[in-house]
Amino acid sequence: MQSPLSAWLVKHGIIHRSLGFDYQGIETLQIKPEDWHSIAVILYVYGYNYLRSQCAYDVAPGGLLASVYHLTRIEYGVDQPEEVCIKVFASRRNPRIPSVFWVWKSVDFQERESYDMLGISYDNHPRLKRILMPESWIGWPLRKDYIAPNFYEIQDAH
């Protein structure tokens, strides 16, 4: 089964991969990092002008990192929104994904949080810096292979 959006992307030669549908019938599409910004612009023009949320997660210790975008298109009224979930996977060694801040401004703090917690660099983000952790913090706390500093050793050093 293919969603209308996936069929439209195929028709226009836009490379993506369907990862299936969730329990609500929302399709998840995988996009390559190097294609993400141009596809984001296309989706915006196609009508997905509302970014509901962005988050990120560590797929597995030593594995890929994922940046997830939930987009909504309201063409036929607010009671019939079309939704899609986009996943962009990045290498753990150099996790770089184009920022979509210039497409959806609401992603500002969300991409910053993903950077702060997982170390994903969002290229061309205007203010990519830590948002929850102190600037001096070393490491990415939500990575599955993260080793937290010993709190008592930190206190003894002061």
C-alpha atoms as a PDB file:
ATOM      1  CA  MET A   1       0.000   0.000   0.000  1.00  0.00           C
ATOM      2  CA  GLN A   2       1.254   3.484  -0.859  1.00  0.00           C
ATOM      3  CA  SER A   3       0.014   6.805   0.484  1.00  0.00           C
ATOM      4  CA  PRO A   4      -1.028   9.572  -1.918  1.00  0.00           C
ATOM      5  CA  LEU A   5       2.086  11.523  -0.900  1.00  0.00           C
ATOM      6  CA  SER A   6       4.426   8.587  -1.554  1.00  0.00           C
ATOM      7  CA  ALA A   7       2.768   7.998  -4.939  1.00  0.00           C
ATOM      8  CA  TRP A   8       3.187  11.704  -5.794  1.00  0.00           C
ATOM      9  CA  LEU A   9       6.871  11.603  -4.806  1.00  0.00           C
ATOM     10  CA  VAL A  10       7.440   8.508  -6.969  1.00  0.00           C
ATOM     11  CA  LYS A  11       5.610  10.135  -9.896  1.00  0.00           C
ATOM     12  CA  HIS A  12       7.952  13.124  -9.667  1.00  0.00           C
ATOM     13  CA  GLY A  13      11.110  11.034  -9.296  1.00  0.00           C
ATOM     14  CA  ILE A  14      11.808  12.022  -5.693  1.00  0.00           C
ATOM     15  CA  ILE A  15      13.819   9.318  -3.993  1.00  0.00           C
ATOM     16  CA  HIS A  16      12.509   8.081  -0.667  1.00  0.00           C
ATOM     17  CA  ARG A  17      11.689   4.823   1.081  1.00  0.00           C
ATOM     18  CA  SER A  18       8.448   3.931   2.802  1.00  0.00           C
ATOM     19  CA  LEU A  19       8.915   2.487   6.281  1.00  0.00           C
ATOM     20  CA  GLY A  20       5.234   1.576   6.564  1.00  0.00           C
ATOM     21  CA  PHE A  21       2.245   2.963   8.415  1.00  0.00           C
ATOM     22  CA  ASP A  22       1.685   3.478  12.131  1.00  0.00           C
ATOM     23  CA  TYR A  23      -1.440   2.502  14.085  1.00  0.00           C
ATOM     24  CA  GLN A  24      -3.202   5.710  12.939  1.00  0.00           C
ATOM     25  CA  GLY A  25      -2.449   5.067   9.274  1.00  0.00           C
ATOM     26  CA  ILE A  26       0.290   7.711   9.057  1.00  0.00           C
ATOM     27  CA  GLU A  27       3.056   6.754   6.664  1.00  0.00           C
ATOM     28  CA  THR A  28       6.707   7.063   7.662  1.00  0.00           C
ATOM     29  CA  LEU A  29       9.152   7.956   4.887  1.00  0.00           C
ATOM     30  CA  GLN A  30      12.916   7.662   5.020  1.00  0.00           C
ATOM     31  CA  ILE A  31      14.848  10.460   3.322  1.00  0.00           C
ATOM     32  CA  LYS A  32      18.620  10.593   2.775  1.00  0.00           C
ATOM     33  CA  PRO A  33      20.330  13.454   4.650  1.00  0.00           C
ATOM     34  CA  GLU A  34      21.703  14.975   1.431  1.00  0.00           C
ATOM     35  CA  ASP A  35      18.172  15.100  -0.049  1.00  0.00           C
ATOM     36  CA  TRP A  36      16.332  16.295   3.048  1.00  0.00           C
ATOM     37  CA  HIS A  37      16.434  20.077   2.569  1.00  0.00           C
ATOM     38  CA  SER A  38      15.206  20.036  -1.040  1.00  0.00           C
ATOM     39  CA  ILE A  39      12.503  17.470  -0.208  1.00  0.00           C
ATOM     40  CA  ALA A  40      11.427  19.593   2.787  1.00  0.00           C
ATOM     41  CA  VAL A  41      10.921  22.565   0.447  1.00  0.00           C
ATOM     42  CA  ILE A  42       8.935  20.356  -1.948  1.00  0.00           C
ATOM     43  CA  LEU A  43       6.744  19.069   0.911  1.00  0.00           C
ATOM     44  CA  TYR A  44       6.114  22.626   2.093  1.00  0.00           C
ATOM     45  CA  VAL A  45       5.059  23.705  -1.399  1.00  0.00           C
ATOM     46  CA  TYR A  46       2.926  20.535  -1.702  1.00  0.00           C
ATOM     47  CA  GLY A  47       1.003  21.758   1.357  1.00  0.00           C
ATOM     48  CA  TYR A  48       2.783  20.321   4.392  1.00  0.00           C
ATOM     49  CA  ASN A  49       3.189  23.765   5.911  1.00  0.00           C
ATOM     50  CA  TYR A  50       2.771  22.745   9.546  1.00  0.00           C
ATOM     51  CA  LEU A  51       5.588  21.023  11.429  1.00  0.00           C
ATOM     52  CA  ARG A  52       3.909  19.332  14.405  1.00  0.00           C
ATOM     53  CA  SER A  53       7.116  18.156  16.001  1.00  0.00           C
ATOM     54  CA  GLN A  54      10.727  17.162  15.539  1.00  0.00           C
ATOM     55  CA  CYS A  55      12.661  14.808  17.757  1.00  0.00           C
ATOM     56  CA  ALA A  56      15.665  12.519  17.524  1.00  0.00           C
ATOM     57  CA  TYR A  57      16.778   9.199  18.931  1.00  0.00           C
ATOM     58  CA  ASP A  58      19.684   6.792  19.021  1.00  0.00           C
ATOM     59  CA  VAL A  59      18.783   3.714  16.977  1.00  0.00           C
ATOM     60  CA  ALA A  60      21.279   1.408  18.734  1.00  0.00           C
ATOM     61  CA  PRO A  61      24.549   1.685  20.655  1.00  0.00           C
ATOM     62  CA  GLY A  62      27.221   2.386  18.053  1.00  0.00           C
ATOM     63  CA  GLY A  63      24.569   2.651  15.334  1.00  0.00           C
ATOM     64  CA  LEU A  64      22.774   5.377  13.455  1.00  0.00           C
ATOM     65  CA  LEU A  65      21.075   8.445  14.886  1.00  0.00           C
ATOM     66  CA  ALA A  66      17.605   9.396  13.632  1.00  0.00           C
ATOM     67  CA  SER A  67      15.948  12.785  13.269  1.00  0.00           C
ATOM     68  CA  VAL A  68      12.149  12.529  13.034  1.00  0.00           C
ATOM     69  CA  TYR A  69       9.762  15.142  11.638  1.00  0.00           C
ATOM     70  CA  HIS A  70       5.946  15.021  11.895  1.00  0.00           C
ATOM     71  CA  LEU A  71       4.307  17.154   9.199  1.00  0.00           C
ATOM     72  CA  THR A  72       0.674  18.071   8.609  1.00  0.00           C
ATOM     73  CA  ARG A  73      -1.190  19.239   5.531  1.00  0.00           C
ATOM     74  CA  ILE A  74      -4.625  20.738   5.994  1.00  0.00           C
ATOM     75  CA  GLU A  75      -6.238  20.933   2.584  1.00  0.00           C
ATOM     76  CA  TYR A  76      -9.795  19.770   3.190  1.00  0.00           C
ATOM     77  CA  GLY A  77     -10.308  21.281   6.642  1.00  0.00           C
ATOM     78  CA  VAL A  78      -8.908  20.834  10.126  1.00  0.00           C
ATOM     79  CA  ASP A  79     -10.994  17.714  10.702  1.00  0.00           C
ATOM     80  CA  GLN A  80      -9.265  15.890   7.788  1.00  0.00           C
ATOM     81  CA  PRO A  81      -5.531  16.600   8.093  1.00  0.00           C
ATOM     82  CA  GLU A  82      -3.012  14.635   6.033  1.00  0.00           C
ATOM     83  CA  GLU A  83       0.016  13.676   8.063  1.00  0.00           C
ATOM     84  CA  VAL A  84       3.399  12.190   7.296  1.00  0.00           C
ATOM     85  CA  CYS A  85       6.362  11.201   9.405  1.00  0.00           C
ATOM     86  CA  ILE A  86       9.835  11.753   7.944  1.00  0.00           C
ATOM     87  CA  LYS A  87      12.921   9.968   9.283  1.00  0.00           C
ATOM     88  CA  VAL A  88      16.420  11.067   8.370  1.00  0.00           C
ATOM     89  CA  PHE A  89      19.205   8.779   9.563  1.00  0.00           C
ATOM     90  CA  ALA A  90      22.756  10.029  10.144  1.00  0.00           C
ATOM     91  CA  SER A  91      26.078   8.367  10.814  1.00  0.00           C
ATOM     92  CA  ARG A  92      27.095   8.383  14.457  1.00  0.00           C
ATOM     93  CA  ARG A  93      30.668   9.415  13.606  1.00  0.00           C
ATOM     94  CA  ASN A  94      29.638  12.579  11.779  1.00  0.00           C
ATOM     95  CA  PRO A  95      25.904  13.113  12.310  1.00  0.00           C
ATOM     96  CA  ARG A  96      25.037  15.942   9.926  1.00  0.00           C
ATOM     97  CA  ILE A  97      21.545  16.711   8.665  1.00  0.00           C
ATOM     98  CA  PRO A  98      20.429  19.881   6.886  1.00  0.00           C
ATOM     99  CA  SER A  99      18.359  22.118   9.134  1.00  0.00           C
ATOM    100  CA  VAL A 100      14.850  22.870   7.948  1.00  0.00           C
ATOM    101  CA  PHE A 101      14.653  26.036  10.050  1.00  0.00           C
ATOM    102  CA  TRP A 102      14.313  28.146   6.910  1.00  0.00           C
ATOM    103  CA  VAL A 103      11.308  26.031   5.826  1.00  0.00           C
ATOM    104  CA  TRP A 104       9.560  25.624   9.207  1.00  0.00           C
ATOM    105  CA  LYS A 105      10.727  28.187  11.787  1.00  0.00           C
ATOM    106  CA  SER A 106       9.031  26.212  14.576  1.00  0.00           C
ATOM    107  CA  VAL A 107      11.820  23.610  14.384  1.00  0.00           C
ATOM    108  CA  ASP A 108      14.287  26.041  15.998  1.00  0.00           C
ATOM    109  CA  PHE A 109      14.331  24.780  19.606  1.00  0.00           C
ATOM    110  CA  GLN A 110      13.553  21.202  18.598  1.00  0.00           C
ATOM    111  CA  GLU A 111      16.648  20.832  16.390  1.00  0.00           C
ATOM    112  CA  ARG A 112      18.692  22.528  19.111  1.00  0.00           C
ATOM    113  CA  GLU A 113      17.474  19.976  21.660  1.00  0.00           C
ATOM    114  CA  SER A 114      18.349  17.110  19.291  1.00  0.00           C
ATOM    115  CA  TYR A 115      21.807  18.630  18.891  1.00  0.00           C
ATOM    116  CA  ASP A 116      22.225  19.090  22.637  1.00  0.00           C
ATOM    117  CA  MET A 117      21.092  15.607  23.638  1.00  0.00           C
ATOM    118  CA  LEU A 118      22.390  13.486  20.712  1.00  0.00           C
ATOM    119  CA  GLY A 119      25.038  15.572  18.940  1.00  0.00           C
ATOM    120  CA  ILE A 120      23.312  15.788  15.559  1.00  0.00           C
ATOM    121  CA  SER A 121      24.614  18.857  13.719  1.00  0.00           C
ATOM    122  CA  TYR A 122      21.891  20.618  11.757  1.00  0.00           C
ATOM    123  CA  ASP A 123      23.668  22.405   8.920  1.00  0.00           C
ATOM    124  CA  ASN A 124      22.606  26.035   8.350  1.00  0.00           C
ATOM    125  CA  HIS A 125      20.696  26.287  11.622  1.00  0.00           C
ATOM    126  CA  PRO A 126      21.073  29.948  12.688  1.00  0.00           C
ATOM    127  CA  ARG A 127      21.625  29.309  16.438  1.00  0.00           C
ATOM    128  CA  LEU A 128      22.816  25.731  16.832  1.00  0.00           C
ATOM    129  CA  LYS A 129      24.060  25.598  20.409  1.00  0.00           C
ATOM    130  CA  ARG A 130      23.175  23.773  23.586  1.00  0.00           C
ATOM    131  CA  ILE A 131      19.715  24.525  24.940  1.00  0.00           C
ATOM    132  CA  LEU A 132      19.355  22.265  28.010  1.00  0.00           C
ATOM    133  CA  MET A 133      22.897  21.398  29.070  1.00  0.00           C
ATOM    134  CA  PRO A 134      25.579  23.945  30.034  1.00  0.00           C
ATOM    135  CA  GLU A 135      27.848  24.989  27.147  1.00  0.00           C
ATOM    136  CA  SER A 136      30.755  23.345  28.997  1.00  0.00           C
ATOM    137  CA  TRP A 137      29.040  19.922  29.039  1.00  0.00           C
ATOM    138  CA  ILE A 138      31.005  17.174  27.321  1.00  0.00           C
ATOM    139  CA  GLY A 139      29.136  14.492  25.405  1.00  0.00           C
ATOM    140  CA  TRP A 140      25.616  13.707  24.281  1.00  0.00           C
ATOM    141  CA  PRO A 141      23.449  12.475  27.194  1.00  0.00           C
ATOM    142  CA  LEU A 142      20.777  10.602  25.193  1.00  0.00           C
ATOM    143  CA  ARG A 143      23.164   8.454  23.188  1.00  0.00           C
ATOM    144  CA  LYS A 144      22.855   4.849  24.274  1.00  0.00           C
ATOM    145  CA  ASP A 145      26.627   4.523  24.671  1.00  0.00           C
ATOM    146  CA  TYR A 146      26.972   7.724  26.752  1.00  0.00           C
ATOM    147  CA  ILE A 147      28.830   7.332  30.019  1.00  0.00           C
ATOM    148  CA  ALA A 148      27.724   9.958  32.502  1.00  0.00           C
ATOM    149  CA  PRO A 149      30.405  11.720  34.504  1.00  0.00           C
ATOM    150  CA  ASN A 150      30.562  10.724  38.146  1.00  0.00           C
ATOM    151  CA  PHE A 151      28.649  13.469  39.966  1.00  0.00           C
ATOM    152  CA  TYR A 152      30.720  13.103  43.133  1.00  0.00           C
ATOM    153  CA  GLU A 153      34.014  13.479  41.254  1.00  0.00           C
ATOM    154  CA  ILE A 154      32.702  16.688  39.688  1.00  0.00           C
ATOM    155  CA  GLN A 155      31.713  18.036  43.140  1.00  0.00           C
ATOM    156  CA  ASP A 156      35.107  17.105  44.656  1.00  0.00           C
ATOM    157  CA  ALA A 157      36.912  18.999  41.881  1.00  0.00           C
ATOM    158  CA  HIS A 158      35.245  22.262  42.979  1.00  0.00           C
END
